[in-house]
């Protein structure tokens, strides 16, 4: 059986222009605490976006304990770096909000550094993640929530087959079935 670190590296996704790399617990800690040094270790330009304190606390207090927990699949609790091949840079990130529920549904969250937006990178990232999920056969539906006025995010999700299932004055919940 593979150790958890090897399993994380075996699951790196490659698309035409991107690598999508799941982080081990130690890599995630380094990415949060020393992002520039961590990027240098990987031979990459660091992310242009610094993580806000609230996000850092969420990673350290919520994600890390779940990654370390041996009963959890760490791939559903870690951050996946979006790496531009040509740029040799961290250009964004994507994560699941936990393991699939009883209905086989997961939620994703993502972000693209400002300098790399409107180039199709996140649409390509989500397409790569969905293909990976189809191969794993553990997830049947992928959900995303975004602000009602976040038109770029709505377009990215629409390009990947997501459809609106619920909306209020502030947020939109979208869903795609993988089967």
Foldseek 3Di string as FASTA:
>chain_A
DDDLVVVQQVLWFDDPFKIWGWDQLVLQLCCQPPVCVSLVVVVAGGEPDHDDPVVSCCCVVPLNVQRPPPVFNNQQRTKIFIAGPVRRHGFKIKHWPGAQDPQQEIEMDMDGRPVPPPPCSLLRVVLRVLVSCVVVVSHFKYKYKDFPPPVSVVVSVVSVPWDFDDDDNTMTMTMDTSD
